[in-house]
Each structure stands twice: as C-alpha cells, then as structure tokens.
PDB file of N, CA and C in Angstrom:
ATOM      1  N   UNK A   1     -26.794 -18.124  39.921  1.00  0.00           N
ATOM      2  CA  UNK A   1     -25.681 -18.736  39.219  1.00  0.00           C
ATOM      3  C   UNK A   1     -26.031 -20.185  38.907  1.00  0.00           C
ATOM      4  N   UNK A   2     -25.603 -20.657  37.762  1.00  0.00           N
ATOM      5  CA  UNK A   2     -25.826 -22.035  37.349  1.00  0.00           C
ATOM      6  C   UNK A   2     -24.587 -22.874  37.652  1.00  0.00           C
ATOM      7  N   UNK A   3     -24.827 -24.158  37.882  1.00  0.00           N
ATOM      8  CA  UNK A   3     -23.753 -25.114  38.144  1.00  0.00           C
ATOM      9  C   UNK A   3     -23.819 -26.212  37.102  1.00  0.00           C
ATOM     10  N   UNK A   4     -22.663 -26.795  36.808  1.00  0.00           N
ATOM     11  CA  UNK A   4     -22.520 -27.793  35.766  1.00  0.00           C
ATOM     12  C   UNK A   4     -21.662 -28.933  36.290  1.00  0.00           C
ATOM     13  N   UNK A   5     -21.951 -30.160  35.845  1.00  0.00           N
ATOM     14  CA  UNK A   5     -21.118 -31.307  36.192  1.00  0.00           C
ATOM     15  C   UNK A   5     -20.283 -31.674  34.984  1.00  0.00           C
ATOM     16  N   UNK A   6     -18.977 -31.661  35.151  1.00  0.00           N
ATOM     17  CA  UNK A   6     -18.064 -32.007  34.077  1.00  0.00           C
ATOM     18  C   UNK A   6     -17.857 -33.517  34.093  1.00  0.00           C
ATOM     19  N   UNK A   7     -18.331 -34.194  33.046  1.00  0.00           N
ATOM     20  CA  UNK A   7     -18.258 -35.658  32.999  1.00  0.00           C
ATOM     21  C   UNK A   7     -16.841 -36.147  32.722  1.00  0.00           C
ATOM     22  N   UNK A   8     -15.986 -35.298  32.214  1.00  0.00           N
ATOM     23  CA  UNK A   8     -14.593 -35.683  31.963  1.00  0.00           C
ATOM     24  C   UNK A   8     -13.753 -35.653  33.229  1.00  0.00           C
ATOM     25  N   UNK A   9     -13.987 -34.654  34.069  1.00  0.00           N
ATOM     26  CA  UNK A   9     -13.174 -34.481  35.275  1.00  0.00           C
ATOM     27  C   UNK A   9     -13.882 -34.911  36.548  1.00  0.00           C
ATOM     28  N   UNK A  10     -15.213 -34.992  36.513  1.00  0.00           N
ATOM     29  CA  UNK A  10     -15.978 -35.319  37.709  1.00  0.00           C
ATOM     30  C   UNK A  10     -16.091 -34.158  38.675  1.00  0.00           C
ATOM     31  N   UNK A  11     -15.842 -32.950  38.175  1.00  0.00           N
ATOM     32  CA  UNK A  11     -15.831 -31.753  39.020  1.00  0.00           C
ATOM     33  C   UNK A  11     -17.035 -30.876  38.679  1.00  0.00           C
ATOM     34  N   UNK A  12     -17.618 -30.259  39.705  1.00  0.00           N
ATOM     35  CA  UNK A  12     -18.694 -29.290  39.503  1.00  0.00           C
ATOM     36  C   UNK A  12     -18.070 -27.952  39.144  1.00  0.00           C
ATOM     37  N   UNK A  13     -18.634 -27.318  38.135  1.00  0.00           N
ATOM     38  CA  UNK A  13     -18.166 -26.011  37.680  1.00  0.00           C
ATOM     39  C   UNK A  13     -19.318 -25.018  37.763  1.00  0.00           C
ATOM     40  N   UNK A  14     -18.979 -23.741  37.795  1.00  0.00           N
ATOM     41  CA  UNK A  14     -20.008 -22.717  37.710  1.00  0.00           C
ATOM     42  C   UNK A  14     -19.769 -21.891  36.457  1.00  0.00           C
ATOM     43  N   UNK A  15     -20.557 -20.852  36.275  1.00  0.00           N
ATOM     44  CA  UNK A  15     -20.449 -20.067  35.057  1.00  0.00           C
ATOM     45  C   UNK A  15     -19.114 -19.355  34.913  1.00  0.00           C
ATOM     46  N   UNK A  16     -18.380 -19.211  35.994  1.00  0.00           N
ATOM     47  CA  UNK A  16     -17.102 -18.508  35.909  1.00  0.00           C
ATOM     48  C   UNK A  16     -15.972 -19.368  35.373  1.00  0.00           C
ATOM     49  N   UNK A  17     -16.121 -20.688  35.469  1.00  0.00           N
ATOM     50  CA  UNK A  17     -15.040 -21.584  35.027  1.00  0.00           C
ATOM     51  C   UNK A  17     -15.563 -22.742  34.180  1.00  0.00           C
ATOM     52  N   UNK A  18     -16.615 -22.479  33.436  1.00  0.00           N
ATOM     53  CA  UNK A  18     -17.303 -23.527  32.695  1.00  0.00           C
ATOM     54  C   UNK A  18     -16.500 -24.034  31.505  1.00  0.00           C
ATOM     55  N   UNK A  19     -16.433 -25.353  31.382  1.00  0.00           N
ATOM     56  CA  UNK A  19     -15.765 -26.025  30.274  1.00  0.00           C
ATOM     57  C   UNK A  19     -16.671 -26.040  29.044  1.00  0.00           C
ATOM     58  N   UNK A  20     -16.166 -26.522  27.910  1.00  0.00           N
ATOM     59  CA  UNK A  20     -17.002 -26.659  26.718  1.00  0.00           C
ATOM     60  C   UNK A  20     -18.222 -27.545  26.986  1.00  0.00           C
ATOM     61  N   UNK A  21     -19.314 -27.217  26.334  1.00  0.00           N
ATOM     62  CA  UNK A  21     -20.604 -27.859  26.587  1.00  0.00           C
ATOM     63  C   UNK A  21     -20.594 -29.367  26.373  1.00  0.00           C
ATOM     64  N   UNK A  22     -19.738 -29.868  25.483  1.00  0.00           N
ATOM     65  CA  UNK A  22     -19.753 -31.309  25.214  1.00  0.00           C
ATOM     66  C   UNK A  22     -19.203 -32.136  26.372  1.00  0.00           C
ATOM     67  N   UNK A  23     -18.710 -31.490  27.404  1.00  0.00           N
ATOM     68  CA  UNK A  23     -18.207 -32.188  28.591  1.00  0.00           C
ATOM     69  C   UNK A  23     -19.119 -32.019  29.806  1.00  0.00           C
ATOM     70  N   UNK A  24     -20.235 -31.303  29.625  1.00  0.00           N
ATOM     71  CA  UNK A  24     -21.034 -30.887  30.772  1.00  0.00           C
ATOM     72  C   UNK A  24     -22.424 -31.482  30.806  1.00  0.00           C
ATOM     73  N   UNK A  25     -22.920 -31.672  32.033  1.00  0.00           N
ATOM     74  CA  UNK A  25     -24.322 -31.959  32.291  1.00  0.00           C
ATOM     75  C   UNK A  25     -24.842 -30.756  33.063  1.00  0.00           C
ATOM     76  N   UNK A  26     -26.021 -30.299  32.728  1.00  0.00           N
ATOM     77  CA  UNK A  26     -26.585 -29.166  33.435  1.00  0.00           C
ATOM     78  C   UNK A  26     -27.271 -28.230  32.470  1.00  0.00           C
ATOM     79  N   UNK A  27     -27.716 -27.131  32.958  1.00  0.00           N
ATOM     80  CA  UNK A  27     -27.363 -26.492  34.218  1.00  0.00           C
ATOM     81  C   UNK A  27     -28.204 -26.998  35.390  1.00  0.00           C
ATOM     82  N   UNK A  28     -27.663 -26.805  36.581  1.00  0.00           N
ATOM     83  CA  UNK A  28     -28.336 -27.123  37.828  1.00  0.00           C
ATOM     84  C   UNK A  28     -28.411 -25.859  38.669  1.00  0.00           C
ATOM     85  N   UNK A  29     -29.447 -25.775  39.493  1.00  0.00           N
ATOM     86  CA  UNK A  29     -29.640 -24.587  40.329  1.00  0.00           C
ATOM     87  C   UNK A  29     -28.684 -24.520  41.506  1.00  0.00           C
ATOM     88  N   UNK A  30     -28.234 -25.695  41.977  1.00  0.00           N
ATOM     89  CA  UNK A  30     -27.361 -25.718  43.151  1.00  0.00           C
ATOM     90  C   UNK A  30     -26.143 -26.593  42.886  1.00  0.00           C
ATOM     91  N   UNK A  31     -25.112 -26.341  43.653  1.00  0.00           N
ATOM     92  CA  UNK A  31     -23.900 -27.171  43.564  1.00  0.00           C
ATOM     93  C   UNK A  31     -24.234 -28.610  43.950  1.00  0.00           C
ATOM     94  N   UNK A  32     -25.058 -28.772  44.970  1.00  0.00           N
ATOM     95  CA  UNK A  32     -25.432 -30.116  45.431  1.00  0.00           C
ATOM     96  C   UNK A  32     -26.148 -30.899  44.332  1.00  0.00           C
ATOM     97  N   UNK A  33     -27.030 -30.243  43.606  1.00  0.00           N
ATOM     98  CA  UNK A  33     -27.734 -30.919  42.515  1.00  0.00           C
ATOM     99  C   UNK A  33     -26.752 -31.329  41.415  1.00  0.00           C
ATOM    100  N   UNK A  34     -25.809 -30.472  41.106  1.00  0.00           N
ATOM    101  CA  UNK A  34     -24.802 -30.806  40.091  1.00  0.00           C
ATOM    102  C   UNK A  34     -23.941 -31.975  40.535  1.00  0.00           C
ATOM    103  N   UNK A  35     -23.623 -32.041  41.830  1.00  0.00           N
ATOM    104  CA  UNK A  35     -22.820 -33.146  42.349  1.00  0.00           C
ATOM    105  C   UNK A  35     -23.533 -34.481  42.186  1.00  0.00           C
ATOM    106  N   UNK A  36     -24.857 -34.455  42.134  1.00  0.00           N
ATOM    107  CA  UNK A  36     -25.660 -35.673  42.017  1.00  0.00           C
ATOM    108  C   UNK A  36     -26.061 -35.967  40.573  1.00  0.00           C
ATOM    109  N   UNK A  37     -25.473 -35.285  39.613  1.00  0.00           N
ATOM    110  CA  UNK A  37     -25.883 -35.401  38.210  1.00  0.00           C
ATOM    111  C   UNK A  37     -25.824 -36.833  37.697  1.00  0.00           C
ATOM    112  N   UNK A  38     -24.735 -37.526  37.944  1.00  0.00           N
ATOM    113  CA  UNK A  38     -24.607 -38.896  37.431  1.00  0.00           C
ATOM    114  C   UNK A  38     -25.589 -39.845  38.107  1.00  0.00           C
ATOM    115  N   UNK A  39     -25.770 -39.702  39.399  1.00  0.00           N
ATOM    116  CA  UNK A  39     -26.712 -40.556  40.119  1.00  0.00           C
ATOM    117  C   UNK A  39     -28.131 -40.313  39.608  1.00  0.00           C
ATOM    118  N   UNK A  40     -28.463 -39.045  39.389  1.00  0.00           N
ATOM    119  CA  UNK A  40     -29.792 -38.706  38.886  1.00  0.00           C
ATOM    120  C   UNK A  40     -29.992 -39.263  37.472  1.00  0.00           C
ATOM    121  N   UNK A  41     -28.980 -39.152  36.633  1.00  0.00           N
ATOM    122  CA  UNK A  41     -29.065 -39.693  35.277  1.00  0.00           C
ATOM    123  C   UNK A  41     -29.239 -41.213  35.309  1.00  0.00           C
ATOM    124  N   UNK A  42     -28.533 -41.883  36.213  1.00  0.00           N
ATOM    125  CA  UNK A  42     -28.658 -43.335  36.338  1.00  0.00           C
ATOM    126  C   UNK A  42     -30.068 -43.723  36.772  1.00  0.00           C
ATOM    127  N   UNK A  43     -30.628 -42.968  37.732  1.00  0.00           N
ATOM    128  CA  UNK A  43     -31.991 -43.228  38.188  1.00  0.00           C
ATOM    129  C   UNK A  43     -32.986 -43.047  37.042  1.00  0.00           C
ATOM    130  N   UNK A  44     -32.833 -41.968  36.281  1.00  0.00           N
ATOM    131  CA  UNK A  44     -33.732 -41.725  35.145  1.00  0.00           C
ATOM    132  C   UNK A  44     -33.626 -42.845  34.124  1.00  0.00           C
ATOM    133  N   UNK A  45     -32.422 -43.257  33.797  1.00  0.00           N
ATOM    134  CA  UNK A  45     -32.223 -44.315  32.812  1.00  0.00           C
ATOM    135  C   UNK A  45     -32.880 -45.608  33.272  1.00  0.00           C
ATOM    136  N   UNK A  46     -32.715 -45.952  34.533  1.00  0.00           N
ATOM    137  CA  UNK A  46     -33.324 -47.176  35.065  1.00  0.00           C
ATOM    138  C   UNK A  46     -34.844 -47.085  35.018  1.00  0.00           C
ATOM    139  N   UNK A  47     -35.400 -45.937  35.397  1.00  0.00           N
ATOM    140  CA  UNK A  47     -36.849 -45.761  35.369  1.00  0.00           C
ATOM    141  C   UNK A  47     -37.370 -45.875  33.936  1.00  0.00           C
ATOM    142  N   UNK A  48     -36.684 -45.242  32.989  1.00  0.00           N
ATOM    143  CA  UNK A  48     -37.118 -45.298  31.593  1.00  0.00           C
ATOM    144  C   UNK A  48     -37.001 -46.711  31.042  1.00  0.00           C
ATOM    145  N   UNK A  49     -35.952 -47.427  31.398  1.00  0.00           N
ATOM    146  CA  UNK A  49     -35.814 -48.818  30.967  1.00  0.00           C
ATOM    147  C   UNK A  49     -36.962 -49.669  31.509  1.00  0.00           C
ATOM    148  N   UNK A  50     -37.293 -49.466  32.784  1.00  0.00           N
ATOM    149  CA  UNK A  50     -38.397 -50.205  33.390  1.00  0.00           C
ATOM    150  C   UNK A  50     -39.719 -49.873  32.696  1.00  0.00           C
ATOM    151  N   UNK A  51     -39.937 -48.589  32.373  1.00  0.00           N
ATOM    152  CA  UNK A  51     -41.155 -48.185  31.685  1.00  0.00           C
ATOM    153  C   UNK A  51     -41.216 -48.805  30.288  1.00  0.00           C
ATOM    154  N   UNK A  52     -40.083 -48.856  29.601  1.00  0.00           N
ATOM    155  CA  UNK A  52     -40.038 -49.483  28.272  1.00  0.00           C
ATOM    156  C   UNK A  52     -40.392 -50.962  28.356  1.00  0.00           C
ATOM    157  N   UNK A  53     -39.852 -51.658  29.357  1.00  0.00           N
ATOM    158  CA  UNK A  53     -40.148 -53.080  29.521  1.00  0.00           C
ATOM    159  C   UNK A  53     -41.633 -53.293  29.797  1.00  0.00           C
ATOM    160  N   UNK A  54     -42.209 -52.431  30.633  1.00  0.00           N
ATOM    161  CA  UNK A  54     -43.633 -52.529  30.938  1.00  0.00           C
ATOM    162  C   UNK A  54     -44.459 -52.275  29.671  1.00  0.00           C
ATOM    163  N   UNK A  55     -44.076 -51.281  28.907  1.00  0.00           N
ATOM    164  CA  UNK A  55     -44.778 -50.960  27.655  1.00  0.00           C
ATOM    165  C   UNK A  55     -44.709 -52.160  26.695  1.00  0.00           C
ATOM    166  N   UNK A  56     -43.513 -52.725  26.548  1.00  0.00           N
ATOM    167  CA  UNK A  56     -43.350 -53.883  25.665  1.00  0.00           C
ATOM    168  C   UNK A  56     -44.194 -55.057  26.140  1.00  0.00           C
ATOM    169  N   UNK A  57     -44.224 -55.280  27.441  1.00  0.00           N
ATOM    170  CA  UNK A  57     -44.994 -56.389  28.000  1.00  0.00           C
ATOM    171  C   UNK A  57     -46.481 -56.209  27.742  1.00  0.00           C
ATOM    172  N   UNK A  58     -46.980 -54.984  27.921  1.00  0.00           N
ATOM    173  CA  UNK A  58     -48.390 -54.730  27.649  1.00  0.00           C
ATOM    174  C   UNK A  58     -48.723 -54.966  26.190  1.00  0.00           C
ATOM    175  N   UNK A  59     -47.805 -54.651  25.299  1.00  0.00           N
ATOM    176  CA  UNK A  59     -48.040 -54.863  23.872  1.00  0.00           C
ATOM    177  C   UNK A  59     -48.162 -56.330  23.511  1.00  0.00           C
ATOM    178  N   UNK A  60     -47.468 -57.175  24.259  1.00  0.00           N
ATOM    179  CA  UNK A  60     -47.528 -58.616  24.005  1.00  0.00           C
ATOM    180  C   UNK A  60     -48.850 -59.224  24.460  1.00  0.00           C
ATOM    181  N   UNK A  61     -49.520 -58.578  25.402  1.00  0.00           N
ATOM    182  CA  UNK A  61     -50.777 -59.105  25.934  1.00  0.00           C
ATOM    183  C   UNK A  61     -51.957 -58.838  25.009  1.00  0.00           C
ATOM    184  N   UNK A  62     -51.837 -57.889  24.110  1.00  0.00           N
ATOM    185  CA  UNK A  62     -52.961 -57.527  23.242  1.00  0.00           C
ATOM    186  C   UNK A  62     -53.195 -58.530  22.151  1.00  0.00           C
TER     187      UNK A  62
END
C-alpha cells in the first residue's frame, strides 16, 4: 500500500482515502516516511540551494 502526505491538511493518507493529487506529496512506502515528507523536502531544498551556491562560486573562479 502507498501512503501520501496531504499538504492542505497535514494528514497522512493511504490509497483508500486519497485526496486529489494536487494536494499530495508521495507516494511513500511507509506511513512514517509520509509523515516526514515536509522535513525531507526541506532538507532536499537546502541541499540543492547549497549545491547551486557552490556551482555559482566555482563559476566565478574560472
């Protein structure tokens, strides 16, 4: 079964009670992973921002 994080309600849903896709993050393999969806997205965004800054900095050195 897949799990989804509803960004509108902050509630984890499964395939039996899934909301429209425009409100969901997922699918996730476990309920626990879905519960961490926002934290994981924040971590990814921060890592990508840091990588972009590093890339930009390297470009300035050339």
